[in-house]
Amino acid sequence: MKYLDYIVLTIGIIGAINWGLVGIFQWDLVAFLFGTMSWFTRLIYILVGLSGLYFISYFGRISQGMEE
């Protein structure tokens, strides 16, 4: 489970950096590297979205750690 957490965290960080670049400079790094809405770009966006959903489980883990 710990390896999955690191993978998801890495994907989430990549997504956060990309959204920061979009917000500040209006520049999409993922689209720049892999093409606008290519199959690989879409795959990266899907993985970032799924990582975000997985992050929801962190709330349960954090609250469990606070009760101990």
N, C-alpha and C. Protein backbone atom coordinates (compact mmCIF):
# COMPACT_ATOMS: atom_id res chain seq x y z
N MET A 1 0.83 -1.19 0.00
CA MET A 1 0.00 0.00 0.00
C MET A 1 0.87 1.25 0.00
N LYS A 2 2.03 1.17 0.64
CA LYS A 2 2.90 2.33 0.72
C LYS A 2 3.42 2.73 -0.66
N TYR A 3 3.74 1.74 -1.52
CA TYR A 3 4.21 2.05 -2.87
C TYR A 3 3.13 2.76 -3.66
N LEU A 4 1.89 2.32 -3.52
CA LEU A 4 0.78 2.97 -4.20
C LEU A 4 0.64 4.42 -3.73
N ASP A 5 0.82 4.64 -2.44
CA ASP A 5 0.75 6.01 -1.91
C ASP A 5 1.81 6.90 -2.55
N TYR A 6 3.03 6.40 -2.70
CA TYR A 6 4.10 7.19 -3.31
C TYR A 6 3.83 7.46 -4.79
N ILE A 7 3.31 6.46 -5.50
CA ILE A 7 2.99 6.64 -6.91
C ILE A 7 1.90 7.69 -7.07
N VAL A 8 0.84 7.55 -6.28
CA VAL A 8 -0.28 8.49 -6.36
C VAL A 8 0.17 9.90 -5.95
N LEU A 9 1.00 9.99 -4.93
CA LEU A 9 1.50 11.29 -4.51
C LEU A 9 2.34 11.94 -5.61
N THR A 10 3.17 11.16 -6.28
CA THR A 10 3.98 11.69 -7.39
C THR A 10 3.10 12.19 -8.53
N ILE A 11 2.10 11.42 -8.89
CA ILE A 11 1.18 11.83 -9.95
C ILE A 11 0.42 13.08 -9.53
N GLY A 12 0.01 13.14 -8.27
CA GLY A 12 -0.68 14.33 -7.78
C GLY A 12 0.19 15.57 -7.81
N ILE A 13 1.46 15.42 -7.49
CA ILE A 13 2.40 16.55 -7.52
C ILE A 13 2.58 17.02 -8.96
N ILE A 14 2.71 16.09 -9.89
CA ILE A 14 2.83 16.46 -11.31
C ILE A 14 1.59 17.23 -11.75
N GLY A 15 0.43 16.75 -11.36
CA GLY A 15 -0.81 17.44 -11.71
C GLY A 15 -0.91 18.82 -11.08
N ALA A 16 -0.48 18.94 -9.84
CA ALA A 16 -0.52 20.24 -9.16
C ALA A 16 0.43 21.24 -9.82
N ILE A 17 1.62 20.78 -10.18
CA ILE A 17 2.57 21.66 -10.86
C ILE A 17 2.00 22.08 -12.21
N ASN A 18 1.42 21.15 -12.93
CA ASN A 18 0.83 21.48 -14.23
C ASN A 18 -0.28 22.52 -14.08
N TRP A 19 -1.17 22.34 -13.10
CA TRP A 19 -2.25 23.30 -12.91
C TRP A 19 -1.72 24.65 -12.45
N GLY A 20 -0.65 24.64 -11.69
CA GLY A 20 -0.02 25.91 -11.31
C GLY A 20 0.51 26.65 -12.52
N LEU A 21 1.15 25.92 -13.42
CA LEU A 21 1.65 26.53 -14.65
C LEU A 21 0.52 27.05 -15.52
N VAL A 22 -0.58 26.31 -15.58
CA VAL A 22 -1.74 26.76 -16.35
C VAL A 22 -2.31 28.03 -15.73
N GLY A 23 -2.42 28.06 -14.42
CA GLY A 23 -3.00 29.21 -13.75
C GLY A 23 -2.14 30.46 -13.81
N ILE A 24 -0.84 30.30 -13.69
CA ILE A 24 0.06 31.46 -13.66
C ILE A 24 0.44 31.92 -15.06
N PHE A 25 0.83 30.97 -15.91
CA PHE A 25 1.39 31.33 -17.21
C PHE A 25 0.50 30.95 -18.40
N GLN A 26 -0.66 30.31 -18.12
CA GLN A 26 -1.53 29.79 -19.18
C GLN A 26 -0.76 28.86 -20.11
N TRP A 27 0.07 28.01 -19.51
CA TRP A 27 0.90 27.08 -20.26
C TRP A 27 0.71 25.68 -19.70
N ASP A 28 0.26 24.76 -20.53
CA ASP A 28 -0.02 23.39 -20.12
C ASP A 28 1.20 22.52 -20.46
N LEU A 29 1.96 22.16 -19.44
CA LEU A 29 3.19 21.38 -19.62
C LEU A 29 2.90 20.01 -20.22
N VAL A 30 1.86 19.35 -19.76
CA VAL A 30 1.53 18.01 -20.25
C VAL A 30 1.19 18.06 -21.74
N ALA A 31 0.37 19.02 -22.14
CA ALA A 31 0.01 19.16 -23.55
C ALA A 31 1.24 19.54 -24.38
N PHE A 32 2.11 20.35 -23.82
CA PHE A 32 3.33 20.75 -24.52
C PHE A 32 4.23 19.54 -24.78
N LEU A 33 4.36 18.68 -23.78
CA LEU A 33 5.25 17.52 -23.91
C LEU A 33 4.68 16.40 -24.77
N PHE A 34 3.38 16.18 -24.66
CA PHE A 34 2.79 14.99 -25.28
C PHE A 34 1.73 15.28 -26.33
N GLY A 35 1.46 16.55 -26.62
CA GLY A 35 0.47 16.90 -27.64
C GLY A 35 -0.87 17.23 -27.00
N THR A 36 -1.61 18.07 -27.70
CA THR A 36 -2.91 18.49 -27.20
C THR A 36 -3.92 17.36 -27.37
N MET A 37 -4.36 16.83 -26.27
CA MET A 37 -5.36 15.77 -26.18
C MET A 37 -5.00 14.52 -26.99
N SER A 38 -3.72 14.18 -27.00
CA SER A 38 -3.31 12.88 -27.55
C SER A 38 -3.77 11.81 -26.56
N TRP A 39 -3.66 10.56 -26.96
CA TRP A 39 -4.11 9.49 -26.06
C TRP A 39 -3.27 9.47 -24.79
N PHE A 40 -1.97 9.79 -24.90
CA PHE A 40 -1.10 9.76 -23.73
C PHE A 40 -1.40 10.95 -22.80
N THR A 41 -1.68 12.11 -23.39
CA THR A 41 -2.06 13.28 -22.59
C THR A 41 -3.35 13.00 -21.82
N ARG A 42 -4.30 12.42 -22.51
CA ARG A 42 -5.57 12.08 -21.84
C ARG A 42 -5.34 11.07 -20.72
N LEU A 43 -4.46 10.11 -20.96
CA LEU A 43 -4.13 9.12 -19.93
C LEU A 43 -3.54 9.80 -18.69
N ILE A 44 -2.64 10.75 -18.90
CA ILE A 44 -2.05 11.48 -17.77
C ILE A 44 -3.12 12.24 -17.02
N TYR A 45 -4.01 12.93 -17.74
CA TYR A 45 -5.10 13.66 -17.08
C TYR A 45 -6.00 12.71 -16.28
N ILE A 46 -6.28 11.54 -16.83
CA ILE A 46 -7.11 10.56 -16.13
C ILE A 46 -6.41 10.08 -14.86
N LEU A 47 -5.10 9.80 -14.95
CA LEU A 47 -4.34 9.34 -13.78
C LEU A 47 -4.29 10.43 -12.70
N VAL A 48 -4.14 11.69 -13.11
CA VAL A 48 -4.14 12.78 -12.13
C VAL A 48 -5.51 12.86 -11.45
N GLY A 49 -6.58 12.73 -12.22
CA GLY A 49 -7.92 12.75 -11.64
C GLY A 49 -8.16 11.60 -10.68
N LEU A 50 -7.73 10.40 -11.06
CA LEU A 50 -7.89 9.25 -10.17
C LEU A 50 -7.03 9.40 -8.91
N SER A 51 -5.86 10.01 -9.06
CA SER A 51 -5.02 10.26 -7.89
C SER A 51 -5.72 11.21 -6.93
N GLY A 52 -6.36 12.22 -7.48
CA GLY A 52 -7.12 13.14 -6.63
C GLY A 52 -8.22 12.43 -5.86
N LEU A 53 -8.90 11.52 -6.52
CA LEU A 53 -9.93 10.75 -5.83
C LEU A 53 -9.32 9.87 -4.74
N TYR A 54 -8.17 9.30 -5.02
CA TYR A 54 -7.49 8.47 -4.02
C TYR A 54 -7.07 9.29 -2.81
N PHE A 55 -6.73 10.55 -3.04
CA PHE A 55 -6.33 11.43 -1.94
C PHE A 55 -7.44 11.59 -0.91
N ILE A 56 -8.67 11.39 -1.30
CA ILE A 56 -9.79 11.48 -0.36
C ILE A 56 -9.59 10.49 0.79
N SER A 57 -9.00 9.33 0.50
CA SER A 57 -8.77 8.33 1.56
C SER A 57 -7.77 8.84 2.59
N TYR A 58 -6.94 9.81 2.23
CA TYR A 58 -5.98 10.36 3.18
C TYR A 58 -6.68 11.03 4.36
N PHE A 59 -7.85 11.61 4.13
CA PHE A 59 -8.58 12.24 5.23
C PHE A 59 -8.89 11.24 6.33
N GLY A 60 -9.30 10.03 5.95
CA GLY A 60 -9.56 9.00 6.93
C GLY A 60 -8.31 8.57 7.67
N ARG A 61 -7.22 8.49 6.97
CA ARG A 61 -5.94 8.11 7.61
C ARG A 61 -5.46 9.19 8.55
N ILE A 62 -5.61 10.44 8.16
CA ILE A 62 -5.17 11.55 9.03
C ILE A 62 -5.99 11.58 10.31
N SER A 63 -7.32 11.42 10.17
CA SER A 63 -8.17 11.48 11.37
C SER A 63 -7.91 10.28 12.28
N GLN A 64 -7.57 9.13 11.72
CA GLN A 64 -7.23 7.97 12.56
C GLN A 64 -5.94 8.23 13.32
N GLY A 65 -4.99 8.88 12.68
CA GLY A 65 -3.72 9.19 13.34
C GLY A 65 -3.88 10.20 14.46
N MET A 66 -4.86 11.07 14.37
CA MET A 66 -5.07 12.09 15.39
C MET A 66 -5.74 11.51 16.63
N GLU A 67 -6.48 10.40 16.44
CA GLU A 67 -7.19 9.80 17.58
C GLU A 67 -6.25 9.00 18.44
N GLU A 68 -5.11 8.59 17.91
CA GLU A 68 -4.20 7.72 18.67
C GLU A 68 -3.42 8.48 19.69
